[in-house]
Amino acid sequence: VQLQASGGGLVQAGGSLRLSCAASGTIFSWNAMSWYRQAPGKQRELVASIISDGSTNYADTVKGRFTISRDNAKNTMYLQMNILKPEDTGIYYCRLDRRGVSYWGQGTQVTVSS
């Protein structure tokens, strides 16, 4: 399984970005896909996840601002990020869980200026 994250960049506070995570390889029967982020000097934290049945989960800090989705035909997961805040700055990683194994993408940098 390979994951390719993209879509990061520099944006002003209040702006929007959409991240993409393209999956390839043997991904059928995947269980969950998630976005994590890691700010400088902090631990990696869960931002949002989507389960194979379509249910979603969000960190309290992004509820109402971020939306996770997936396009099964394209094997791609998205994270629409609106009303961005400086504290959303960090490297965003995508993760896929399948049959007890977790796979990580390489990360994409998101920087929100105040």
PDB file of N, CA and C in Angstrom:
ATOM      1  N   VAL A   1       0.853  -1.193   0.000  1.00  0.00           N
ATOM      2  CA  VAL A   1       0.000   0.000   0.000  1.00  0.00           C
ATOM      3  C   VAL A   1       0.885   1.239   0.000  1.00  0.00           C
ATOM      4  N   GLN A   2       0.582   2.171  -0.880  1.00  0.00           N
ATOM      5  CA  GLN A   2       1.290   3.452  -0.907  1.00  0.00           C
ATOM      6  C   GLN A   2       0.274   4.583  -0.798  1.00  0.00           C
ATOM      7  N   LEU A   3       0.639   5.592  -0.010  1.00  0.00           N
ATOM      8  CA  LEU A   3      -0.229   6.743   0.186  1.00  0.00           C
ATOM      9  C   LEU A   3       0.533   7.996  -0.211  1.00  0.00           C
ATOM     10  N   GLN A   4      -0.090   8.829  -1.008  1.00  0.00           N
ATOM     11  CA  GLN A   4       0.528  10.072  -1.473  1.00  0.00           C
ATOM     12  C   GLN A   4      -0.345  11.242  -1.049  1.00  0.00           C
ATOM     13  N   ALA A   5       0.145  12.024  -0.092  1.00  0.00           N
ATOM     14  CA  ALA A   5      -0.604  13.191   0.385  1.00  0.00           C
ATOM     15  C   ALA A   5      -0.180  14.432  -0.397  1.00  0.00           C
ATOM     16  N   SER A   6      -1.129  15.306  -0.641  1.00  0.00           N
ATOM     17  CA  SER A   6      -0.844  16.553  -1.357  1.00  0.00           C
ATOM     18  C   SER A   6      -1.872  17.610  -0.978  1.00  0.00           C
ATOM     19  N   GLY A   7      -1.608  18.846  -1.402  1.00  0.00           N
ATOM     20  CA  GLY A   7      -2.570  19.916  -1.195  1.00  0.00           C
ATOM     21  C   GLY A   7      -2.204  20.915  -0.122  1.00  0.00           C
ATOM     22  N   GLY A   8      -1.122  20.670   0.584  1.00  0.00           N
ATOM     23  CA  GLY A   8      -0.719  21.607   1.620  1.00  0.00           C
ATOM     24  C   GLY A   8      -0.208  22.913   1.020  1.00  0.00           C
ATOM     25  N   GLY A   9       0.019  23.886   1.897  1.00  0.00           N
ATOM     26  CA  GLY A   9       0.526  25.159   1.429  1.00  0.00           C
ATOM     27  C   GLY A   9       0.452  26.200   2.515  1.00  0.00           C
ATOM     28  N   LEU A  10       0.669  27.440   2.104  1.00  0.00           N
ATOM     29  CA  LEU A  10       0.624  28.584   3.011  1.00  0.00           C
ATOM     30  C   LEU A  10      -0.685  29.336   2.769  1.00  0.00           C
ATOM     31  N   VAL A  11      -1.412  29.597   3.837  1.00  0.00           N
ATOM     32  CA  VAL A  11      -2.692  30.277   3.724  1.00  0.00           C
ATOM     33  C   VAL A  11      -2.856  31.221   4.912  1.00  0.00           C
ATOM     34  N   GLN A  12      -3.602  32.278   4.705  1.00  0.00           N
ATOM     35  CA  GLN A  12      -3.879  33.192   5.801  1.00  0.00           C
ATOM     36  C   GLN A  12      -4.982  32.646   6.694  1.00  0.00           C
ATOM     37  N   ALA A  13      -4.982  33.073   7.918  1.00  0.00           N
ATOM     38  CA  ALA A  13      -6.034  32.673   8.854  1.00  0.00           C
ATOM     39  C   ALA A  13      -7.396  33.026   8.263  1.00  0.00           C
ATOM     40  N   GLY A  14      -8.327  32.089   8.418  1.00  0.00           N
ATOM     41  CA  GLY A  14      -9.646  32.263   7.840  1.00  0.00           C
ATOM     42  C   GLY A  14      -9.803  31.649   6.461  1.00  0.00           C
ATOM     43  N   GLY A  15      -8.685  31.262   5.877  1.00  0.00           N
ATOM     44  CA  GLY A  15      -8.709  30.689   4.541  1.00  0.00           C
ATOM     45  C   GLY A  15      -9.025  29.204   4.547  1.00  0.00           C
ATOM     46  N   SER A  16      -8.926  28.616   3.352  1.00  0.00           N
ATOM     47  CA  SER A  16      -9.265  27.200   3.183  1.00  0.00           C
ATOM     48  C   SER A  16      -8.190  26.482   2.381  1.00  0.00           C
ATOM     49  N   LEU A  17      -8.097  25.185   2.629  1.00  0.00           N
ATOM     50  CA  LEU A  17      -7.249  24.287   1.846  1.00  0.00           C
ATOM     51  C   LEU A  17      -7.960  22.946   1.738  1.00  0.00           C
ATOM     52  N   ARG A  18      -7.669  22.212   0.674  1.00  0.00           N
ATOM     53  CA  ARG A  18      -8.162  20.844   0.569  1.00  0.00           C
ATOM     54  C   ARG A  18      -6.968  19.913   0.365  1.00  0.00           C
ATOM     55  N   LEU A  19      -6.839  18.987   1.290  1.00  0.00           N
ATOM     56  CA  LEU A  19      -5.789  17.981   1.188  1.00  0.00           C
ATOM     57  C   LEU A  19      -6.338  16.737   0.503  1.00  0.00           C
ATOM     58  N   SER A  20      -5.460  16.064  -0.216  1.00  0.00           N
ATOM     59  CA  SER A  20      -5.812  14.806  -0.867  1.00  0.00           C
ATOM     60  C   SER A  20      -4.832  13.727  -0.447  1.00  0.00           C
ATOM     61  N   CYS A  21      -5.314  12.509  -0.388  1.00  0.00           N
ATOM     62  CA  CYS A  21      -4.464  11.355  -0.098  1.00  0.00           C
ATOM     63  C   CYS A  21      -4.844  10.256  -1.079  1.00  0.00           C
ATOM     64  N   ALA A  22      -3.975  10.020  -2.037  1.00  0.00           N
ATOM     65  CA  ALA A  22      -4.226   9.003  -3.051  1.00  0.00           C
ATOM     66  C   ALA A  22      -3.603   7.689  -2.609  1.00  0.00           C
ATOM     67  N   ALA A  23      -4.400   6.640  -2.613  1.00  0.00           N
ATOM     68  CA  ALA A  23      -3.940   5.320  -2.191  1.00  0.00           C
ATOM     69  C   ALA A  23      -3.758   4.413  -3.397  1.00  0.00           C
ATOM     70  N   SER A  24      -2.738   3.596  -3.356  1.00  0.00           N
ATOM     71  CA  SER A  24      -2.514   2.626  -4.417  1.00  0.00           C
ATOM     72  C   SER A  24      -2.020   1.330  -3.809  1.00  0.00           C
ATOM     73  N   GLY A  25      -2.072   0.278  -4.602  1.00  0.00           N
ATOM     74  CA  GLY A  25      -1.665  -1.025  -4.097  1.00  0.00           C
ATOM     75  C   GLY A  25      -2.878  -1.827  -3.653  1.00  0.00           C
ATOM     76  N   THR A  26      -2.665  -2.757  -2.764  1.00  0.00           N
ATOM     77  CA  THR A  26      -3.729  -3.650  -2.302  1.00  0.00           C
ATOM     78  C   THR A  26      -4.463  -2.986  -1.155  1.00  0.00           C
ATOM     79  N   ILE A  27      -5.561  -2.300  -1.482  1.00  0.00           N
ATOM     80  CA  ILE A  27      -6.267  -1.555  -0.450  1.00  0.00           C
ATOM     81  C   ILE A  27      -7.694  -2.035  -0.250  1.00  0.00           C
ATOM     82  N   PHE A  28      -8.140  -3.046  -1.005  1.00  0.00           N
ATOM     83  CA  PHE A  28      -9.512  -3.509  -0.802  1.00  0.00           C
ATOM     84  C   PHE A  28      -9.643  -4.011   0.632  1.00  0.00           C
ATOM     85  N   SER A  29     -10.852  -3.949   1.139  1.00  0.00           N
ATOM     86  CA  SER A  29     -11.147  -4.357   2.518  1.00  0.00           C
ATOM     87  C   SER A  29     -10.428  -3.472   3.547  1.00  0.00           C
ATOM     88  N   TRP A  30     -10.157  -2.218   3.183  1.00  0.00           N
ATOM     89  CA  TRP A  30      -9.565  -1.327   4.168  1.00  0.00           C
ATOM     90  C   TRP A  30     -10.585  -1.037   5.254  1.00  0.00           C
ATOM     91  N   ASN A  31     -10.124  -0.748   6.445  1.00  0.00           N
ATOM     92  CA  ASN A  31     -10.993  -0.555   7.601  1.00  0.00           C
ATOM     93  C   ASN A  31     -11.249   0.925   7.898  1.00  0.00           C
ATOM     94  N   ALA A  32     -10.188   1.718   7.812  1.00  0.00           N
ATOM     95  CA  ALA A  32     -10.342   3.135   8.133  1.00  0.00           C
ATOM     96  C   ALA A  32      -9.237   3.929   7.455  1.00  0.00           C
ATOM     97  N   MET A  33      -9.545   5.178   7.178  1.00  0.00           N
ATOM     98  CA  MET A  33      -8.532   6.119   6.693  1.00  0.00           C
ATOM     99  C   MET A  33      -8.612   7.365   7.563  1.00  0.00           C
ATOM    100  N   SER A  34      -7.462   7.940   7.816  1.00  0.00           N
ATOM    101  CA  SER A  34      -7.413   9.041   8.773  1.00  0.00           C
ATOM    102  C   SER A  34      -6.427  10.115   8.343  1.00  0.00           C
ATOM    103  N   TRP A  35      -6.637  11.290   8.887  1.00  0.00           N
ATOM    104  CA  TRP A  35      -5.671  12.386   8.780  1.00  0.00           C
ATOM    105  C   TRP A  35      -5.124  12.669  10.180  1.00  0.00           C
ATOM    106  N   TYR A  36      -3.831  12.776  10.263  1.00  0.00           N
ATOM    107  CA  TYR A  36      -3.154  13.178  11.490  1.00  0.00           C
ATOM    108  C   TYR A  36      -2.352  14.447  11.173  1.00  0.00           C
ATOM    109  N   ARG A  37      -1.981  15.142  12.216  1.00  0.00           N
ATOM    110  CA  ARG A  37      -1.095  16.280  12.018  1.00  0.00           C
ATOM    111  C   ARG A  37      -0.089  16.349  13.174  1.00  0.00           C
ATOM    112  N   GLN A  38       1.030  16.951  12.846  1.00  0.00           N
ATOM    113  CA  GLN A  38       2.081  17.117  13.851  1.00  0.00           C
ATOM    114  C   GLN A  38       2.631  18.534  13.764  1.00  0.00           C
ATOM    115  N   ALA A  39       2.443  19.279  14.843  1.00  0.00           N
ATOM    116  CA  ALA A  39       2.972  20.633  14.921  1.00  0.00           C
ATOM    117  C   ALA A  39       4.394  20.559  15.470  1.00  0.00           C
ATOM    118  N   PRO A  40       5.210  21.562  15.195  1.00  0.00           N
ATOM    119  CA  PRO A  40       6.589  21.560  15.702  1.00  0.00           C
ATOM    120  C   PRO A  40       6.636  21.393  17.215  1.00  0.00           C
ATOM    121  N   GLY A  41       7.405  20.439  17.672  1.00  0.00           N
ATOM    122  CA  GLY A  41       7.566  20.217  19.090  1.00  0.00           C
ATOM    123  C   GLY A  41       6.413  19.505  19.769  1.00  0.00           C
ATOM    124  N   LYS A  42       5.444  19.054  18.985  1.00  0.00           N
ATOM    125  CA  LYS A  42       4.286  18.376  19.559  1.00  0.00           C
ATOM    126  C   LYS A  42       4.147  16.967  18.991  1.00  0.00           C
ATOM    127  N   GLN A  43       3.353  16.170  19.676  1.00  0.00           N
ATOM    128  CA  GLN A  43       3.110  14.815  19.210  1.00  0.00           C
ATOM    129  C   GLN A  43       2.106  14.821  18.060  1.00  0.00           C
ATOM    130  N   ARG A  44       2.190  13.796  17.272  1.00  0.00           N
ATOM    131  CA  ARG A  44       1.230  13.635  16.191  1.00  0.00           C
ATOM    132  C   ARG A  44      -0.153  13.384  16.799  1.00  0.00           C
ATOM    133  N   GLU A  45      -1.171  14.036  16.240  1.00  0.00           N
ATOM    134  CA  GLU A  45      -2.519  13.900  16.770  1.00  0.00           C
ATOM    135  C   GLU A  45      -3.518  13.590  15.655  1.00  0.00           C
ATOM    136  N   LEU A  46      -4.567  12.886  16.028  1.00  0.00           N
ATOM    137  CA  LEU A  46      -5.619  12.557  15.090  1.00  0.00           C
ATOM    138  C   LEU A  46      -6.457  13.792  14.793  1.00  0.00           C
ATOM    139  N   VAL A  47      -6.684  14.047  13.524  1.00  0.00           N
ATOM    140  CA  VAL A  47      -7.523  15.160  13.100  1.00  0.00           C
ATOM    141  C   VAL A  47      -8.921  14.673  12.727  1.00  0.00           C
ATOM    142  N   ALA A  48      -8.976  13.670  11.878  1.00  0.00           N
ATOM    143  CA  ALA A  48     -10.269  13.146  11.427  1.00  0.00           C
ATOM    144  C   ALA A  48     -10.064  11.746  10.864  1.00  0.00           C
ATOM    145  N   SER A  49     -11.115  10.954  10.921  1.00  0.00           N
ATOM    146  CA  SER A  49     -11.054   9.607  10.369  1.00  0.00           C
ATOM    147  C   SER A  49     -12.377   9.261   9.714  1.00  0.00           C
ATOM    148  N   ILE A  50     -12.299   8.345   8.767  1.00  0.00           N
ATOM    149  CA  ILE A  50     -13.494   7.848   8.095  1.00  0.00           C
ATOM    150  C   ILE A  50     -13.401   6.331   8.039  1.00  0.00           C
ATOM    151  N   ILE A  51     -14.482   5.700   8.448  1.00  0.00           N
ATOM    152  CA  ILE A  51     -14.524   4.254   8.511  1.00  0.00           C
ATOM    153  C   ILE A  51     -15.091   3.718   7.191  1.00  0.00           C
ATOM    154  N   SER A  52     -14.875   2.441   6.946  1.00  0.00           N
ATOM    155  CA  SER A  52     -15.312   1.854   5.681  1.00  0.00           C
ATOM    156  C   SER A  52     -16.815   1.947   5.467  1.00  0.00           C
ATOM    157  N   ASP A  53     -17.586   2.060   6.573  1.00  0.00           N
ATOM    158  CA  ASP A  53     -19.043   2.189   6.419  1.00  0.00           C
ATOM    159  C   ASP A  53     -19.461   3.640   6.172  1.00  0.00           C
ATOM    160  N   GLY A  54     -18.483   4.532   6.130  1.00  0.00           N
ATOM    161  CA  GLY A  54     -18.766   5.928   5.839  1.00  0.00           C
ATOM    162  C   GLY A  54     -18.862   6.826   7.055  1.00  0.00           C
ATOM    163  N   SER A  55     -18.875   6.254   8.237  1.00  0.00           N
ATOM    164  CA  SER A  55     -18.959   7.085   9.439  1.00  0.00           C
ATOM    165  C   SER A  55     -17.661   7.850   9.641  1.00  0.00           C
ATOM    166  N   THR A  56     -17.784   9.013  10.255  1.00  0.00           N
ATOM    167  CA  THR A  56     -16.632   9.901  10.418  1.00  0.00           C
ATOM    168  C   THR A  56     -16.457  10.297  11.884  1.00  0.00           C
ATOM    169  N   ASN A  57     -15.247  10.738  12.175  1.00  0.00           N
ATOM    170  CA  ASN A  57     -14.914  11.175  13.528  1.00  0.00           C
ATOM    171  C   ASN A  57     -13.940  12.334  13.414  1.00  0.00           C
ATOM    172  N   TYR A  58     -14.113  13.336  14.280  1.00  0.00           N
ATOM    173  CA  TYR A  58     -13.262  14.527  14.227  1.00  0.00           C
ATOM    174  C   TYR A  58     -12.717  14.878  15.607  1.00  0.00           C
ATOM    175  N   ALA A  59     -11.539  15.455  15.614  1.00  0.00           N
ATOM    176  CA  ALA A  59     -11.025  16.043  16.847  1.00  0.00           C
ATOM    177  C   ALA A  59     -11.890  17.250  17.186  1.00  0.00           C
ATOM    178  N   ASP A  60     -12.060  17.504  18.470  1.00  0.00           N
ATOM    179  CA  ASP A  60     -12.903  18.628  18.895  1.00  0.00           C
ATOM    180  C   ASP A  60     -12.411  19.953  18.320  1.00  0.00           C
ATOM    181  N   THR A  61     -11.108  20.070  18.147  1.00  0.00           N
ATOM    182  CA  THR A  61     -10.530  21.332  17.681  1.00  0.00           C
ATOM    183  C   THR A  61     -10.857  21.654  16.226  1.00  0.00           C
ATOM    184  N   VAL A  62     -11.331  20.678  15.463  1.00  0.00           N
ATOM    185  CA  VAL A  62     -11.620  20.931  14.047  1.00  0.00           C
ATOM    186  C   VAL A  62     -13.082  20.714  13.686  1.00  0.00           C
ATOM    187  N   LYS A  63     -13.878  20.265  14.636  1.00  0.00           N
ATOM    188  CA  LYS A  63     -15.299  20.036  14.348  1.00  0.00           C
ATOM    189  C   LYS A  63     -15.965  21.305  13.843  1.00  0.00           C
ATOM    190  N   GLY A  64     -16.736  21.148  12.791  1.00  0.00           N
ATOM    191  CA  GLY A  64     -17.430  22.296  12.222  1.00  0.00           C
ATOM    192  C   GLY A  64     -16.614  23.076  11.213  1.00  0.00           C
ATOM    193  N   ARG A  65     -15.316  22.794  11.144  1.00  0.00           N
ATOM    194  CA  ARG A  65     -14.440  23.508  10.206  1.00  0.00           C
ATOM    195  C   ARG A  65     -13.859  22.573   9.144  1.00  0.00           C
ATOM    196  N   PHE A  66     -13.566  21.342   9.512  1.00  0.00           N
ATOM    197  CA  PHE A  66     -12.949  20.368   8.611  1.00  0.00           C
ATOM    198  C   PHE A  66     -13.971  19.301   8.229  1.00  0.00           C
ATOM    199  N   THR A  67     -13.828  18.800   7.013  1.00  0.00           N
ATOM    200  CA  THR A  67     -14.681  17.716   6.539  1.00  0.00           C
ATOM    201  C   THR A  67     -13.827  16.668   5.843  1.00  0.00           C
ATOM    202  N   ILE A  68     -13.941  15.435   6.320  1.00  0.00           N
ATOM    203  CA  ILE A  68     -13.228  14.320   5.704  1.00  0.00           C
ATOM    204  C   ILE A  68     -14.177  13.591   4.760  1.00  0.00           C
ATOM    205  N   SER A  69     -13.648  13.153   3.630  1.00  0.00           N
ATOM    206  CA  SER A  69     -14.472  12.419   2.675  1.00  0.00           C
ATOM    207  C   SER A  69     -13.585  11.483   1.867  1.00  0.00           C
ATOM    208  N   ARG A  70     -14.199  10.634   1.082  1.00  0.00           N
ATOM    209  CA  ARG A  70     -13.425   9.734   0.247  1.00  0.00           C
ATOM    210  C   ARG A  70     -14.142   9.515  -1.077  1.00  0.00           C
ATOM    211  N   ASP A  71     -13.371   9.220  -2.088  1.00  0.00           N
ATOM    212  CA  ASP A  71     -13.899   8.871  -3.397  1.00  0.00           C
ATOM    213  C   ASP A  71     -13.381   7.474  -3.702  1.00  0.00           C
ATOM    214  N   ASN A  72     -14.232   6.484  -3.529  1.00  0.00           N
ATOM    215  CA  ASN A  72     -13.792   5.105  -3.703  1.00  0.00           C
ATOM    216  C   ASN A  72     -13.338   4.817  -5.137  1.00  0.00           C
ATOM    217  N   ALA A  73     -13.979   5.456  -6.086  1.00  0.00           N
ATOM    218  CA  ALA A  73     -13.615   5.212  -7.485  1.00  0.00           C
ATOM    219  C   ALA A  73     -12.193   5.675  -7.777  1.00  0.00           C
ATOM    220  N   LYS A  74     -11.757   6.716  -7.065  1.00  0.00           N
ATOM    221  CA  LYS A  74     -10.408   7.260  -7.272  1.00  0.00           C
ATOM    222  C   LYS A  74      -9.422   6.790  -6.210  1.00  0.00           C
ATOM    223  N   ASN A  75      -9.897   5.986  -5.253  1.00  0.00           N
ATOM    224  CA  ASN A  75      -9.044   5.552  -4.142  1.00  0.00           C
ATOM    225  C   ASN A  75      -8.371   6.746  -3.459  1.00  0.00           C
ATOM    226  N   THR A  76      -9.140   7.782  -3.254  1.00  0.00           N
ATOM    227  CA  THR A  76      -8.599   9.015  -2.706  1.00  0.00           C
ATOM    228  C   THR A  76      -9.444   9.501  -1.535  1.00  0.00           C
ATOM    229  N   MET A  77      -8.746   9.976  -0.525  1.00  0.00           N
ATOM    230  CA  MET A  77      -9.384  10.583   0.645  1.00  0.00           C
ATOM    231  C   MET A  77      -9.079  12.070   0.628  1.00  0.00           C
ATOM    232  N   TYR A  78     -10.008  12.854   1.139  1.00  0.00           N
ATOM    233  CA  TYR A  78      -9.849  14.302   1.151  1.00  0.00           C
ATOM    234  C   TYR A  78     -10.048  14.849   2.558  1.00  0.00           C
ATOM    235  N   LEU A  79      -9.474  16.020   2.782  1.00  0.00           N
ATOM    236  CA  LEU A  79      -9.743  16.775   3.993  1.00  0.00           C
ATOM    237  C   LEU A  79      -9.962  18.224   3.574  1.00  0.00           C
ATOM    238  N   GLN A  80     -11.216  18.651   3.612  1.00  0.00           N
ATOM    239  CA  GLN A  80     -11.532  20.037   3.334  1.00  0.00           C
ATOM    240  C   GLN A  80     -11.390  20.821   4.629  1.00  0.00           C
ATOM    241  N   MET A  81     -10.515  21.812   4.611  1.00  0.00           N
ATOM    242  CA  MET A  81     -10.225  22.582   5.819  1.00  0.00           C
ATOM    243  C   MET A  81     -10.648  24.030   5.592  1.00  0.00           C
ATOM    244  N   ASN A  82     -11.605  24.468   6.376  1.00  0.00           N
ATOM    245  CA  ASN A  82     -12.112  25.836   6.276  1.00  0.00           C
ATOM    246  C   ASN A  82     -11.844  26.592   7.569  1.00  0.00           C
ATOM    247  N   ILE A  83     -11.930  27.890   7.485  1.00  0.00           N
ATOM    248  CA  ILE A  83     -11.726  28.768   8.650  1.00  0.00           C
ATOM    249  C   ILE A  83     -10.437  28.365   9.362  1.00  0.00           C
ATOM    250  N   LEU A  84      -9.372  28.273   8.616  1.00  0.00           N
ATOM    251  CA  LEU A  84      -8.103  27.822   9.178  1.00  0.00           C
ATOM    252  C   LEU A  84      -7.569  28.802  10.200  1.00  0.00           C
ATOM    253  N   LYS A  85      -6.915  28.255  11.208  1.00  0.00           N
ATOM    254  CA  LYS A  85      -6.342  29.038  12.297  1.00  0.00           C
ATOM    255  C   LYS A  85      -4.835  28.770  12.349  1.00  0.00           C
ATOM    256  N   PRO A  86      -4.065  29.698  12.918  1.00  0.00           N
ATOM    257  CA  PRO A  86      -2.617  29.458  13.036  1.00  0.00           C
ATOM    258  C   PRO A  86      -2.296  28.156  13.758  1.00  0.00           C
ATOM    259  N   GLU A  87      -3.120  27.776  14.698  1.00  0.00           N
ATOM    260  CA  GLU A  87      -2.867  26.526  15.429  1.00  0.00           C
ATOM    261  C   GLU A  87      -3.124  25.270  14.596  1.00  0.00           C
ATOM    262  N   ASP A  88      -3.637  25.438  13.402  1.00  0.00           N
ATOM    263  CA  ASP A  88      -3.783  24.291  12.493  1.00  0.00           C
ATOM    264  C   ASP A  88      -2.475  24.002  11.741  1.00  0.00           C
ATOM    265  N   THR A  89      -1.494  24.839  11.931  1.00  0.00           N
ATOM    266  CA  THR A  89      -0.202  24.654  11.262  1.00  0.00           C
ATOM    267  C   THR A  89       0.457  23.353  11.678  1.00  0.00           C
ATOM    268  N   GLY A  90       1.007  22.653  10.705  1.00  0.00           N
ATOM    269  CA  GLY A  90       1.709  21.414  10.980  1.00  0.00           C
ATOM    270  C   GLY A  90       1.867  20.583   9.718  1.00  0.00           C
ATOM    271  N   ILE A  91       2.475  19.438   9.893  1.00  0.00           N
ATOM    272  CA  ILE A  91       2.570  18.489   8.792  1.00  0.00           C
ATOM    273  C   ILE A  91       1.389  17.529   8.911  1.00  0.00           C
ATOM    274  N   TYR A  92       0.655  17.398   7.843  1.00  0.00           N
ATOM    275  CA  TYR A  92      -0.533  16.541   7.819  1.00  0.00           C
ATOM    276  C   TYR A  92      -0.193  15.227   7.128  1.00  0.00           C
ATOM    277  N   TYR A  93      -0.489  14.149   7.828  1.00  0.00           N
ATOM    278  CA  TYR A  93      -0.218  12.803   7.332  1.00  0.00           C
ATOM    279  C   TYR A  93      -1.525  12.047   7.131  1.00  0.00           C
ATOM    280  N   CYS A  94      -1.569  11.258   6.093  1.00  0.00           N
ATOM    281  CA  CYS A  94      -2.712  10.368   5.936  1.00  0.00           C
ATOM    282  C   CYS A  94      -2.295   8.950   6.331  1.00  0.00           C
ATOM    283  N   ARG A  95      -3.276   8.224   6.765  1.00  0.00           N
ATOM    284  CA  ARG A  95      -3.040   6.862   7.256  1.00  0.00           C
ATOM    285  C   ARG A  95      -4.180   5.970   6.789  1.00  0.00           C
ATOM    286  N   LEU A  96      -3.825   4.748   6.443  1.00  0.00           N
ATOM    287  CA  LEU A  96      -4.829   3.743   6.068  1.00  0.00           C
ATOM    288  C   LEU A  96      -4.635   2.516   6.943  1.00  0.00           C
ATOM    289  N   ASP A  97      -5.698   2.038   7.514  1.00  0.00           N
ATOM    290  CA  ASP A  97      -5.667   0.832   8.342  1.00  0.00           C
ATOM    291  C   ASP A  97      -6.370  -0.302   7.599  1.00  0.00           C
ATOM    292  N   ARG A  98      -5.680  -1.401   7.485  1.00  0.00           N
ATOM    293  CA  ARG A  98      -6.224  -2.548   6.749  1.00  0.00           C
ATOM    294  C   ARG A  98      -5.735  -3.831   7.401  1.00  0.00           C
ATOM    295  N   ARG A  99      -6.694  -4.589   7.865  1.00  0.00           N
ATOM    296  CA  ARG A  99      -6.403  -5.917   8.436  1.00  0.00           C
ATOM    297  C   ARG A  99      -5.308  -5.837   9.501  1.00  0.00           C
ATOM    298  N   GLY A 100      -5.448  -4.866  10.381  1.00  0.00           N
ATOM    299  CA  GLY A 100      -4.542  -4.770  11.510  1.00  0.00           C
ATOM    300  C   GLY A 100      -3.210  -4.101  11.220  1.00  0.00           C
ATOM    301  N   VAL A 101      -3.012  -3.635  10.000  1.00  0.00           N
ATOM    302  CA  VAL A 101      -1.760  -2.977   9.633  1.00  0.00           C
ATOM    303  C   VAL A 101      -2.060  -1.522   9.277  1.00  0.00           C
ATOM    304  N   SER A 102      -1.197  -0.615   9.736  1.00  0.00           N
ATOM    305  CA  SER A 102      -1.350   0.813   9.429  1.00  0.00           C
ATOM    306  C   SER A 102      -0.290   1.242   8.425  1.00  0.00           C
ATOM    307  N   TYR A 103      -0.723   2.016   7.453  1.00  0.00           N
ATOM    308  CA  TYR A 103       0.166   2.543   6.420  1.00  0.00           C
ATOM    309  C   TYR A 103       0.102   4.064   6.472  1.00  0.00           C
ATOM    310  N   TRP A 104       1.261   4.710   6.310  1.00  0.00           N
ATOM    311  CA  TRP A 104       1.345   6.159   6.402  1.00  0.00           C
ATOM    312  C   TRP A 104       1.837   6.767   5.093  1.00  0.00           C
ATOM    313  N   GLY A 105       1.308   7.942   4.793  1.00  0.00           N
ATOM    314  CA  GLY A 105       1.828   8.727   3.688  1.00  0.00           C
ATOM    315  C   GLY A 105       2.986   9.587   4.171  1.00  0.00           C
ATOM    316  N   GLN A 106       3.561  10.352   3.259  1.00  0.00           N
ATOM    317  CA  GLN A 106       4.778  11.084   3.572  1.00  0.00           C
ATOM    318  C   GLN A 106       4.533  12.428   4.236  1.00  0.00           C
ATOM    319  N   GLY A 107       3.319  12.930   4.251  1.00  0.00           N
ATOM    320  CA  GLY A 107       3.006  14.192   4.893  1.00  0.00           C
ATOM    321  C   GLY A 107       3.028  15.364   3.933  1.00  0.00           C
ATOM    322  N   THR A 108       2.190  16.344   4.242  1.00  0.00           N
ATOM    323  CA  THR A 108       2.157  17.582   3.465  1.00  0.00           C
ATOM    324  C   THR A 108       2.057  18.744   4.454  1.00  0.00           C
ATOM    325  N   GLN A 109       2.848  19.783   4.213  1.00  0.00           N
ATOM    326  CA  GLN A 109       2.950  20.893   5.156  1.00  0.00           C
ATOM    327  C   GLN A 109       1.799  21.870   4.977  1.00  0.00           C
ATOM    328  N   VAL A 110       1.184  22.215   6.091  1.00  0.00           N
ATOM    329  CA  VAL A 110       0.154  23.264   6.109  1.00  0.00           C
ATOM    330  C   VAL A 110       0.634  24.365   7.049  1.00  0.00           C
ATOM    331  N   THR A 111       0.688  25.580   6.538  1.00  0.00           N
ATOM    332  CA  THR A 111       1.104  26.719   7.343  1.00  0.00           C
ATOM    333  C   THR A 111       0.032  27.792   7.263  1.00  0.00           C
ATOM    334  N   VAL A 112      -0.472  28.173   8.427  1.00  0.00           N
ATOM    335  CA  VAL A 112      -1.517  29.196   8.497  1.00  0.00           C
ATOM    336  C   VAL A 112      -0.928  30.427   9.164  1.00  0.00           C
ATOM    337  N   SER A 113      -0.900  31.525   8.448  1.00  0.00           N
ATOM    338  CA  SER A 113      -0.343  32.759   8.993  1.00  0.00           C
ATOM    339  C   SER A 113      -1.440  33.607   9.623  1.00  0.00           C
ATOM    340  N   SER A 114      -1.051  34.325  10.650  1.00  0.00           N
ATOM    341  CA  SER A 114      -2.036  35.153  11.370  1.00  0.00           C
ATOM    342  C   SER A 114      -2.143  36.540  10.774  1.00  0.00           C
TER     343      SER A 114
END
